[in-house]
Amino acid sequence: MKKRSDKKIEEATNFDQLLDAKYGEIGSEKRNEFEEDSQRFFISEMLKDARKTAKLTQTELAAKIGTKKSYISKIENGKGNLTLETLIKIFEIGLNRKVGITIS
């Protein structure tokens, strides 16, 4: 016999229903954790891509913004605690890119 959540996953017809079935409704603790992890992953991948496009090593990027390579590595692996101020500093000073923020 299948679990209720497995049945909901199988019956999902769009991505929102799939997320609801797997992680709970928007606002639930499990869904909030998933959303935070997703955003952390997205930012880490964007940073890695931008750094590589700029042909910089983690060490070089860290030097440009006055931090350590290990901190850049943590962020790129989705593990570091990243403030908005640091995010802007990394992209605008370290990578010469503009940061835009959308809240929805």
PDB file of N, CA and C in Angstrom:
ATOM      1  N   MET A   1       0.837  -1.184   0.000  1.00  0.00           N
ATOM      2  CA  MET A   1       0.000   0.000   0.000  1.00  0.00           C
ATOM      3  C   MET A   1       0.883   1.249   0.000  1.00  0.00           C
ATOM      4  N   LYS A   2       0.564   2.188  -0.862  1.00  0.00           N
ATOM      5  CA  LYS A   2       1.354   3.410  -0.985  1.00  0.00           C
ATOM      6  C   LYS A   2       0.980   4.399   0.099  1.00  0.00           C
ATOM      7  N   LYS A   3       2.008   5.183   0.509  1.00  0.00           N
ATOM      8  CA  LYS A   3       1.768   6.242   1.471  1.00  0.00           C
ATOM      9  C   LYS A   3       0.973   7.357   0.791  1.00  0.00           C
ATOM     10  N   ARG A   4       0.272   8.100   1.597  1.00  0.00           N
ATOM     11  CA  ARG A   4      -0.556   9.199   1.082  1.00  0.00           C
ATOM     12  C   ARG A   4       0.272  10.204   0.287  1.00  0.00           C
ATOM     13  N   SER A   5       1.491  10.527   0.786  1.00  0.00           N
ATOM     14  CA  SER A   5       2.329  11.509   0.096  1.00  0.00           C
ATOM     15  C   SER A   5       2.796  10.973  -1.259  1.00  0.00           C
ATOM     16  N   ASP A   6       3.071   9.667  -1.347  1.00  0.00           N
ATOM     17  CA  ASP A   6       3.464   9.071  -2.628  1.00  0.00           C
ATOM     18  C   ASP A   6       2.329   9.180  -3.638  1.00  0.00           C
ATOM     19  N   LYS A   7       1.115   8.957  -3.186  1.00  0.00           N
ATOM     20  CA  LYS A   7      -0.051   9.049  -4.066  1.00  0.00           C
ATOM     21  C   LYS A   7      -0.229  10.476  -4.571  1.00  0.00           C
ATOM     22  N   LYS A   8      -0.048  11.455  -3.665  1.00  0.00           N
ATOM     23  CA  LYS A   8      -0.159  12.860  -4.070  1.00  0.00           C
ATOM     24  C   LYS A   8       0.909  13.215  -5.102  1.00  0.00           C
ATOM     25  N   ILE A   9       2.098  12.683  -4.928  1.00  0.00           N
ATOM     26  CA  ILE A   9       3.188  12.953  -5.874  1.00  0.00           C
ATOM     27  C   ILE A   9       2.821  12.388  -7.245  1.00  0.00           C
ATOM     28  N   GLU A  10       2.326  11.177  -7.263  1.00  0.00           N
ATOM     29  CA  GLU A  10       1.938  10.545  -8.536  1.00  0.00           C
ATOM     30  C   GLU A  10       0.802  11.294  -9.227  1.00  0.00           C
ATOM     31  N   GLU A  11      -0.083  11.884  -8.440  1.00  0.00           N
ATOM     32  CA  GLU A  11      -1.247  12.570  -9.003  1.00  0.00           C
ATOM     33  C   GLU A  11      -0.966  14.032  -9.376  1.00  0.00           C
ATOM     34  N   ALA A  12       0.199  14.533  -9.021  1.00  0.00           N
ATOM     35  CA  ALA A  12       0.528  15.932  -9.313  1.00  0.00           C
ATOM     36  C   ALA A  12       0.568  16.160 -10.819  1.00  0.00           C
ATOM     37  N   THR A  13      -0.037  17.258 -11.251  1.00  0.00           N
ATOM     38  CA  THR A  13      -0.069  17.586 -12.682  1.00  0.00           C
ATOM     39  C   THR A  13       0.753  18.826 -13.014  1.00  0.00           C
ATOM     40  N   ASN A  14       1.312  19.473 -11.980  1.00  0.00           N
ATOM     41  CA  ASN A  14       2.207  20.599 -12.229  1.00  0.00           C
ATOM     42  C   ASN A  14       3.234  20.675 -11.105  1.00  0.00           C
ATOM     43  N   PHE A  15       4.215  21.544 -11.286  1.00  0.00           N
ATOM     44  CA  PHE A  15       5.327  21.625 -10.343  1.00  0.00           C
ATOM     45  C   PHE A  15       4.876  22.088  -8.962  1.00  0.00           C
ATOM     46  N   ASP A  16       3.944  23.023  -8.889  1.00  0.00           N
ATOM     47  CA  ASP A  16       3.460  23.505  -7.593  1.00  0.00           C
ATOM     48  C   ASP A  16       2.799  22.382  -6.792  1.00  0.00           C
ATOM     49  N   GLN A  17       2.012  21.564  -7.468  1.00  0.00           N
ATOM     50  CA  GLN A  17       1.374  20.430  -6.783  1.00  0.00           C
ATOM     51  C   GLN A  17       2.423  19.421  -6.306  1.00  0.00           C
ATOM     52  N   LEU A  18       3.442  19.230  -7.107  1.00  0.00           N
ATOM     53  CA  LEU A  18       4.523  18.316  -6.729  1.00  0.00           C
ATOM     54  C   LEU A  18       5.247  18.827  -5.478  1.00  0.00           C
ATOM     55  N   LEU A  19       5.551  20.121  -5.460  1.00  0.00           N
ATOM     56  CA  LEU A  19       6.200  20.701  -4.277  1.00  0.00           C
ATOM     57  C   LEU A  19       5.299  20.601  -3.052  1.00  0.00           C
ATOM     58  N   ASP A  20       4.012  20.874  -3.222  1.00  0.00           N
ATOM     59  CA  ASP A  20       3.063  20.758  -2.102  1.00  0.00           C
ATOM     60  C   ASP A  20       3.051  19.335  -1.556  1.00  0.00           C
ATOM     61  N   ALA A  21       3.033  18.355  -2.451  1.00  0.00           N
ATOM     62  CA  ALA A  21       2.967  16.952  -2.031  1.00  0.00           C
ATOM     63  C   ALA A  21       4.248  16.519  -1.328  1.00  0.00           C
ATOM     64  N   LYS A  22       5.373  16.967  -1.825  1.00  0.00           N
ATOM     65  CA  LYS A  22       6.652  16.517  -1.276  1.00  0.00           C
ATOM     66  C   LYS A  22       7.092  17.306  -0.045  1.00  0.00           C
ATOM     67  N   TYR A  23       6.869  18.638  -0.062  1.00  0.00           N
ATOM     68  CA  TYR A  23       7.400  19.489   1.004  1.00  0.00           C
ATOM     69  C   TYR A  23       6.342  20.207   1.828  1.00  0.00           C
ATOM     70  N   GLY A  24       5.085  20.050   1.493  1.00  0.00           N
ATOM     71  CA  GLY A  24       4.020  20.706   2.239  1.00  0.00           C
ATOM     72  C   GLY A  24       3.610  22.017   1.594  1.00  0.00           C
ATOM     73  N   GLU A  25       2.544  22.562   2.097  1.00  0.00           N
ATOM     74  CA  GLU A  25       1.999  23.814   1.579  1.00  0.00           C
ATOM     75  C   GLU A  25       2.967  24.966   1.840  1.00  0.00           C
ATOM     76  N   ILE A  26       2.844  26.018   1.039  1.00  0.00           N
ATOM     77  CA  ILE A  26       3.640  27.224   1.241  1.00  0.00           C
ATOM     78  C   ILE A  26       3.387  27.737   2.652  1.00  0.00           C
ATOM     79  N   GLY A  27       4.477  28.029   3.358  1.00  0.00           N
ATOM     80  CA  GLY A  27       4.380  28.520   4.732  1.00  0.00           C
ATOM     81  C   GLY A  27       4.647  27.460   5.781  1.00  0.00           C
ATOM     82  N   SER A  28       4.600  26.178   5.375  1.00  0.00           N
ATOM     83  CA  SER A  28       4.896  25.123   6.352  1.00  0.00           C
ATOM     84  C   SER A  28       6.404  25.103   6.621  1.00  0.00           C
ATOM     85  N   GLU A  29       6.791  24.570   7.750  1.00  0.00           N
ATOM     86  CA  GLU A  29       8.208  24.549   8.136  1.00  0.00           C
ATOM     87  C   GLU A  29       9.054  23.784   7.110  1.00  0.00           C
ATOM     88  N   LYS A  30       8.580  22.615   6.696  1.00  0.00           N
ATOM     89  CA  LYS A  30       9.334  21.809   5.740  1.00  0.00           C
ATOM     90  C   LYS A  30       9.471  22.525   4.387  1.00  0.00           C
ATOM     91  N   ARG A  31       8.416  23.187   3.956  1.00  0.00           N
ATOM     92  CA  ARG A  31       8.446  23.908   2.682  1.00  0.00           C
ATOM     93  C   ARG A  31       9.377  25.114   2.781  1.00  0.00           C
ATOM     94  N   ASN A  32       9.345  25.814   3.899  1.00  0.00           N
ATOM     95  CA  ASN A  32      10.235  26.952   4.093  1.00  0.00           C
ATOM     96  C   ASN A  32      11.699  26.523   4.055  1.00  0.00           C
ATOM     97  N   GLU A  33      12.017  25.396   4.680  1.00  0.00           N
ATOM     98  CA  GLU A  33      13.387  24.871   4.636  1.00  0.00           C
ATOM     99  C   GLU A  33      13.790  24.542   3.207  1.00  0.00           C
ATOM    100  N   PHE A  34      12.893  23.913   2.459  1.00  0.00           N
ATOM    101  CA  PHE A  34      13.168  23.594   1.057  1.00  0.00           C
ATOM    102  C   PHE A  34      13.420  24.865   0.253  1.00  0.00           C
ATOM    103  N   GLU A  35      12.583  25.873   0.436  1.00  0.00           N
ATOM    104  CA  GLU A  35      12.731  27.127  -0.302  1.00  0.00           C
ATOM    105  C   GLU A  35      14.054  27.809   0.027  1.00  0.00           C
ATOM    106  N   GLU A  36      14.444  27.808   1.292  1.00  0.00           N
ATOM    107  CA  GLU A  36      15.720  28.410   1.695  1.00  0.00           C
ATOM    108  C   GLU A  36      16.889  27.660   1.082  1.00  0.00           C
ATOM    109  N   ASP A  37      16.837  26.339   1.134  1.00  0.00           N
ATOM    110  CA  ASP A  37      17.900  25.529   0.531  1.00  0.00           C
ATOM    111  C   ASP A  37      17.984  25.754  -0.974  1.00  0.00           C
ATOM    112  N   SER A  38      16.837  25.895  -1.612  1.00  0.00           N
ATOM    113  CA  SER A  38      16.801  26.135  -3.057  1.00  0.00           C
ATOM    114  C   SER A  38      17.436  27.466  -3.407  1.00  0.00           C
ATOM    115  N   GLN A  39      17.116  28.494  -2.644  1.00  0.00           N
ATOM    116  CA  GLN A  39      17.692  29.812  -2.891  1.00  0.00           C
ATOM    117  C   GLN A  39      19.204  29.798  -2.652  1.00  0.00           C
ATOM    118  N   ARG A  40      19.628  29.126  -1.592  1.00  0.00           N
ATOM    119  CA  ARG A  40      21.060  29.016  -1.291  1.00  0.00           C
ATOM    120  C   ARG A  40      21.780  28.314  -2.439  1.00  0.00           C
ATOM    121  N   PHE A  41      21.194  27.246  -2.961  1.00  0.00           N
ATOM    122  CA  PHE A  41      21.785  26.513  -4.082  1.00  0.00           C
ATOM    123  C   PHE A  41      21.856  27.392  -5.324  1.00  0.00           C
ATOM    124  N   PHE A  42      20.768  28.104  -5.623  1.00  0.00           N
ATOM    125  CA  PHE A  42      20.713  28.966  -6.791  1.00  0.00           C
ATOM    126  C   PHE A  42      21.799  30.039  -6.727  1.00  0.00           C
ATOM    127  N   ILE A  43      21.939  30.691  -5.587  1.00  0.00           N
ATOM    128  CA  ILE A  43      22.952  31.733  -5.425  1.00  0.00           C
ATOM    129  C   ILE A  43      24.351  31.141  -5.537  1.00  0.00           C
ATOM    130  N   SER A  44      24.565  29.972  -4.952  1.00  0.00           N
ATOM    131  CA  SER A  44      25.894  29.359  -5.016  1.00  0.00           C
ATOM    132  C   SER A  44      26.278  29.013  -6.452  1.00  0.00           C
ATOM    133  N   GLU A  45      25.336  28.510  -7.220  1.00  0.00           N
ATOM    134  CA  GLU A  45      25.613  28.177  -8.621  1.00  0.00           C
ATOM    135  C   GLU A  45      25.835  29.434  -9.458  1.00  0.00           C
ATOM    136  N   MET A  46      25.064  30.474  -9.174  1.00  0.00           N
ATOM    137  CA  MET A  46      25.226  31.738  -9.884  1.00  0.00           C
ATOM    138  C   MET A  46      26.604  32.330  -9.592  1.00  0.00           C
ATOM    139  N   LEU A  47      27.032  32.262  -8.345  1.00  0.00           N
ATOM    140  CA  LEU A  47      28.347  32.777  -7.956  1.00  0.00           C
ATOM    141  C   LEU A  47      29.459  31.998  -8.644  1.00  0.00           C
ATOM    142  N   LYS A  48      29.386  30.674  -8.614  1.00  0.00           N
ATOM    143  CA  LYS A  48      30.423  29.857  -9.273  1.00  0.00           C
ATOM    144  C   LYS A  48      30.519  30.196 -10.749  1.00  0.00           C
ATOM    145  N   ASP A  49      29.380  30.287 -11.393  1.00  0.00           N
ATOM    146  CA  ASP A  49      29.360  30.580 -12.825  1.00  0.00           C
ATOM    147  C   ASP A  49      29.946  31.960 -13.120  1.00  0.00           C
ATOM    148  N   ALA A  50      29.548  32.956 -12.341  1.00  0.00           N
ATOM    149  CA  ALA A  50      30.051  34.320 -12.549  1.00  0.00           C
ATOM    150  C   ALA A  50      31.555  34.399 -12.281  1.00  0.00           C
ATOM    151  N   ARG A  51      32.014  33.711 -11.252  1.00  0.00           N
ATOM    152  CA  ARG A  51      33.446  33.715 -10.935  1.00  0.00           C
ATOM    153  C   ARG A  51      34.251  33.064 -12.044  1.00  0.00           C
ATOM    154  N   LYS A  52      33.771  31.953 -12.547  1.00  0.00           N
ATOM    155  CA  LYS A  52      34.482  31.259 -13.634  1.00  0.00           C
ATOM    156  C   LYS A  52      34.454  32.082 -14.914  1.00  0.00           C
ATOM    157  N   THR A  53      33.339  32.738 -15.195  1.00  0.00           N
ATOM    158  CA  THR A  53      33.238  33.602 -16.372  1.00  0.00           C
ATOM    159  C   THR A  53      34.247  34.752 -16.273  1.00  0.00           C
ATOM    160  N   ALA A  54      34.438  35.258 -15.047  1.00  0.00           N
ATOM    161  CA  ALA A  54      35.403  36.338 -14.818  1.00  0.00           C
ATOM    162  C   ALA A  54      36.840  35.822 -14.783  1.00  0.00           C
ATOM    163  N   LYS A  55      36.998  34.499 -14.910  1.00  0.00           N
ATOM    164  CA  LYS A  55      38.316  33.854 -14.894  1.00  0.00           C
ATOM    165  C   LYS A  55      39.088  34.163 -13.601  1.00  0.00           C
ATOM    166  N   LEU A  56      38.373  34.068 -12.491  1.00  0.00           N
ATOM    167  CA  LEU A  56      38.970  34.274 -11.178  1.00  0.00           C
ATOM    168  C   LEU A  56      38.938  32.980 -10.384  1.00  0.00           C
ATOM    169  N   THR A  57      39.965  32.764  -9.590  1.00  0.00           N
ATOM    170  CA  THR A  57      39.945  31.652  -8.642  1.00  0.00           C
ATOM    171  C   THR A  57      39.206  32.121  -7.392  1.00  0.00           C
ATOM    172  N   GLN A  58      38.877  31.187  -6.537  1.00  0.00           N
ATOM    173  CA  GLN A  58      38.255  31.564  -5.269  1.00  0.00           C
ATOM    174  C   GLN A  58      39.198  32.460  -4.470  1.00  0.00           C
ATOM    175  N   THR A  59      40.468  32.161  -4.510  1.00  0.00           N
ATOM    176  CA  THR A  59      41.473  32.953  -3.785  1.00  0.00           C
ATOM    177  C   THR A  59      41.520  34.384  -4.311  1.00  0.00           C
ATOM    178  N   GLU A  60      41.495  34.545  -5.628  1.00  0.00           N
ATOM    179  CA  GLU A  60      41.536  35.880  -6.227  1.00  0.00           C
ATOM    180  C   GLU A  60      40.280  36.674  -5.883  1.00  0.00           C
ATOM    181  N   LEU A  61      39.126  36.027  -5.964  1.00  0.00           N
ATOM    182  CA  LEU A  61      37.877  36.701  -5.621  1.00  0.00           C
ATOM    183  C   LEU A  61      37.886  37.121  -4.154  1.00  0.00           C
ATOM    184  N   ALA A  62      38.314  36.228  -3.289  1.00  0.00           N
ATOM    185  CA  ALA A  62      38.377  36.533  -1.858  1.00  0.00           C
ATOM    186  C   ALA A  62      39.278  37.741  -1.597  1.00  0.00           C
ATOM    187  N   ALA A  63      40.412  37.806  -2.268  1.00  0.00           N
ATOM    188  CA  ALA A  63      41.335  38.924  -2.087  1.00  0.00           C
ATOM    189  C   ALA A  63      40.697  40.243  -2.526  1.00  0.00           C
ATOM    190  N   LYS A  64      39.931  40.207  -3.603  1.00  0.00           N
ATOM    191  CA  LYS A  64      39.296  41.428  -4.121  1.00  0.00           C
ATOM    192  C   LYS A  64      38.280  42.011  -3.149  1.00  0.00           C
ATOM    193  N   ILE A  65      37.651  41.156  -2.352  1.00  0.00           N
ATOM    194  CA  ILE A  65      36.615  41.660  -1.440  1.00  0.00           C
ATOM    195  C   ILE A  65      37.044  41.620   0.026  1.00  0.00           C
ATOM    196  N   GLY A  66      38.286  41.228   0.262  1.00  0.00           N
ATOM    197  CA  GLY A  66      38.811  41.253   1.626  1.00  0.00           C
ATOM    198  C   GLY A  66      38.316  40.150   2.530  1.00  0.00           C
ATOM    199  N   THR A  67      38.219  38.945   1.984  1.00  0.00           N
ATOM    200  CA  THR A  67      37.821  37.805   2.805  1.00  0.00           C
ATOM    201  C   THR A  67      38.750  36.632   2.502  1.00  0.00           C
ATOM    202  N   LYS A  68      38.424  35.471   3.014  1.00  0.00           N
ATOM    203  CA  LYS A  68      39.256  34.280   2.816  1.00  0.00           C
ATOM    204  C   LYS A  68      38.663  33.376   1.745  1.00  0.00           C
ATOM    205  N   LYS A  69      39.526  32.606   1.112  1.00  0.00           N
ATOM    206  CA  LYS A  69      39.104  31.624   0.104  1.00  0.00           C
ATOM    207  C   LYS A  69      38.088  30.656   0.700  1.00  0.00           C
ATOM    208  N   SER A  70      38.309  30.252   1.944  1.00  0.00           N
ATOM    209  CA  SER A  70      37.408  29.277   2.578  1.00  0.00           C
ATOM    210  C   SER A  70      35.976  29.809   2.662  1.00  0.00           C
ATOM    211  N   TYR A  71      35.828  31.120   2.826  1.00  0.00           N
ATOM    212  CA  TYR A  71      34.485  31.707   2.882  1.00  0.00           C
ATOM    213  C   TYR A  71      33.810  31.640   1.512  1.00  0.00           C
ATOM    214  N   ILE A  72      34.561  31.961   0.466  1.00  0.00           N
ATOM    215  CA  ILE A  72      34.021  31.868  -0.895  1.00  0.00           C
ATOM    216  C   ILE A  72      33.630  30.418  -1.191  1.00  0.00           C
ATOM    217  N   SER A  73      34.475  29.492  -0.791  1.00  0.00           N
ATOM    218  CA  SER A  73      34.197  28.068  -0.999  1.00  0.00           C
ATOM    219  C   SER A  73      32.908  27.650  -0.293  1.00  0.00           C
ATOM    220  N   LYS A  74      32.738  28.088   0.943  1.00  0.00           N
ATOM    221  CA  LYS A  74      31.519  27.748   1.687  1.00  0.00           C
ATOM    222  C   LYS A  74      30.279  28.273   0.971  1.00  0.00           C
ATOM    223  N   ILE A  75      30.348  29.506   0.493  1.00  0.00           N
ATOM    224  CA  ILE A  75      29.201  30.085  -0.206  1.00  0.00           C
ATOM    225  C   ILE A  75      28.914  29.306  -1.484  1.00  0.00           C
ATOM    226  N   GLU A  76      29.975  28.981  -2.228  1.00  0.00           N
ATOM    227  CA  GLU A  76      29.789  28.240  -3.474  1.00  0.00           C
ATOM    228  C   GLU A  76      29.265  26.829  -3.246  1.00  0.00           C
ATOM    229  N   ASN A  77      29.443  26.314  -2.051  1.00  0.00           N
ATOM    230  CA  ASN A  77      28.924  24.991  -1.714  1.00  0.00           C
ATOM    231  C   ASN A  77      27.613  25.070  -0.940  1.00  0.00           C
ATOM    232  N   GLY A  78      27.044  26.269  -0.874  1.00  0.00           N
ATOM    233  CA  GLY A  78      25.748  26.439  -0.211  1.00  0.00           C
ATOM    234  C   GLY A  78      25.796  26.293   1.288  1.00  0.00           C
ATOM    235  N   LYS A  79      26.966  26.473   1.888  1.00  0.00           N
ATOM    236  CA  LYS A  79      27.114  26.258   3.330  1.00  0.00           C
ATOM    237  C   LYS A  79      27.329  27.539   4.113  1.00  0.00           C
ATOM    238  N   GLY A  80      27.802  28.586   3.472  1.00  0.00           N
ATOM    239  CA  GLY A  80      28.147  29.810   4.179  1.00  0.00           C
ATOM    240  C   GLY A  80      26.943  30.651   4.531  1.00  0.00           C
ATOM    241  N   ASN A  81      27.088  31.434   5.585  1.00  0.00           N
ATOM    242  CA  ASN A  81      26.054  32.379   5.981  1.00  0.00           C
ATOM    243  C   ASN A  81      26.295  33.664   5.193  1.00  0.00           C
ATOM    244  N   LEU A  82      25.419  33.963   4.276  1.00  0.00           N
ATOM    245  CA  LEU A  82      25.613  35.061   3.345  1.00  0.00           C
ATOM    246  C   LEU A  82      24.632  36.186   3.634  1.00  0.00           C
ATOM    247  N   THR A  83      25.179  37.366   3.928  1.00  0.00           N
ATOM    248  CA  THR A  83      24.318  38.524   4.122  1.00  0.00           C
ATOM    249  C   THR A  83      24.107  39.211   2.774  1.00  0.00           C
ATOM    250  N   LEU A  84      23.086  40.033   2.698  1.00  0.00           N
ATOM    251  CA  LEU A  84      22.819  40.787   1.479  1.00  0.00           C
ATOM    252  C   LEU A  84      23.994  41.710   1.166  1.00  0.00           C
ATOM    253  N   GLU A  85      24.545  42.329   2.184  1.00  0.00           N
ATOM    254  CA  GLU A  85      25.693  43.214   2.003  1.00  0.00           C
ATOM    255  C   GLU A  85      26.872  42.468   1.371  1.00  0.00           C
ATOM    256  N   THR A  86      27.149  41.276   1.851  1.00  0.00           N
ATOM    257  CA  THR A  86      28.253  40.486   1.307  1.00  0.00           C
ATOM    258  C   THR A  86      27.959  40.028  -0.110  1.00  0.00           C
ATOM    259  N   LEU A  87      26.724  39.636  -0.364  1.00  0.00           N
ATOM    260  CA  LEU A  87      26.335  39.216  -1.716  1.00  0.00           C
ATOM    261  C   LEU A  87      26.582  40.336  -2.712  1.00  0.00           C
ATOM    262  N   ILE A  88      26.158  41.523  -2.367  1.00  0.00           N
ATOM    263  CA  ILE A  88      26.357  42.676  -3.248  1.00  0.00           C
ATOM    264  C   ILE A  88      27.845  42.958  -3.417  1.00  0.00           C
ATOM    265  N   LYS A  89      28.604  42.892  -2.351  1.00  0.00           N
ATOM    266  CA  LYS A  89      30.049  43.126  -2.405  1.00  0.00           C
ATOM    267  C   LYS A  89      30.732  42.123  -3.325  1.00  0.00           C
ATOM    268  N   ILE A  90      30.373  40.859  -3.210  1.00  0.00           N
ATOM    269  CA  ILE A  90      30.973  39.820  -4.048  1.00  0.00           C
ATOM    270  C   ILE A  90      30.706  40.095  -5.517  1.00  0.00           C
ATOM    271  N   PHE A  91      29.445  40.347  -5.846  1.00  0.00           N
ATOM    272  CA  PHE A  91      29.096  40.522  -7.258  1.00  0.00           C
ATOM    273  C   PHE A  91      29.530  41.876  -7.814  1.00  0.00           C
ATOM    274  N   GLU A  92      29.305  42.942  -7.075  1.00  0.00           N
ATOM    275  CA  GLU A  92      29.593  44.263  -7.625  1.00  0.00           C
ATOM    276  C   GLU A  92      31.073  44.632  -7.544  1.00  0.00           C
ATOM    277  N   ILE A  93      31.718  44.358  -6.436  1.00  0.00           N
ATOM    278  CA  ILE A  93      33.141  44.695  -6.299  1.00  0.00           C
ATOM    279  C   ILE A  93      34.017  43.569  -6.836  1.00  0.00           C
ATOM    280  N   GLY A  94      33.742  42.356  -6.406  1.00  0.00           N
ATOM    281  CA  GLY A  94      34.585  41.229  -6.787  1.00  0.00           C
ATOM    282  C   GLY A  94      34.443  40.793  -8.234  1.00  0.00           C
ATOM    283  N   LEU A  95      33.215  40.847  -8.758  1.00  0.00           N
ATOM    284  CA  LEU A  95      32.963  40.323 -10.102  1.00  0.00           C
ATOM    285  C   LEU A  95      32.513  41.382 -11.106  1.00  0.00           C
ATOM    286  N   ASN A  96      32.438  42.630 -10.659  1.00  0.00           N
ATOM    287  CA  ASN A  96      32.051  43.740 -11.530  1.00  0.00           C
ATOM    288  C   ASN A  96      30.701  43.498 -12.212  1.00  0.00           C
ATOM    289  N   ARG A  97      29.750  42.987 -11.421  1.00  0.00           N
ATOM    290  CA  ARG A  97      28.392  42.718 -11.915  1.00  0.00           C
ATOM    291  C   ARG A  97      27.415  43.518 -11.076  1.00  0.00           C
ATOM    292  N   LYS A  98      26.270  43.826 -11.612  1.00  0.00           N
ATOM    293  CA  LYS A  98      25.225  44.533 -10.884  1.00  0.00           C
ATOM    294  C   LYS A  98      24.270  43.528 -10.262  1.00  0.00           C
ATOM    295  N   VAL A  99      23.778  43.853  -9.095  1.00  0.00           N
ATOM    296  CA  VAL A  99      22.830  43.006  -8.388  1.00  0.00           C
ATOM    297  C   VAL A  99      21.460  43.681  -8.429  1.00  0.00           C
ATOM    298  N   GLY A 100      20.453  42.931  -8.815  1.00  0.00           N
ATOM    299  CA  GLY A 100      19.070  43.393  -8.765  1.00  0.00           C
ATOM    300  C   GLY A 100      18.289  42.421  -7.897  1.00  0.00           C
ATOM    301  N   ILE A 101      17.370  42.919  -7.132  1.00  0.00           N
ATOM    302  CA  ILE A 101      16.603  42.068  -6.211  1.00  0.00           C
ATOM    303  C   ILE A 101      15.125  42.172  -6.549  1.00  0.00           C
ATOM    304  N   THR A 102      14.483  41.013  -6.656  1.00  0.00           N
ATOM    305  CA  THR A 102      13.050  40.954  -6.895  1.00  0.00           C
ATOM    306  C   THR A 102      12.408  40.239  -5.714  1.00  0.00           C
ATOM    307  N   ILE A 103      11.378  40.830  -5.179  1.00  0.00           N
ATOM    308  CA  ILE A 103      10.639  40.201  -4.091  1.00  0.00           C
ATOM    309  C   ILE A 103       9.236  39.923  -4.605  1.00  0.00           C
ATOM    310  N   SER A 104       8.839  38.668  -4.478  1.00  0.00           N
ATOM    311  CA  SER A 104       7.504  38.325  -4.974  1.00  0.00           C
ATOM    312  C   SER A 104       6.709  37.609  -3.902  1.00  0.00           C
TER     313      SER A 104
END
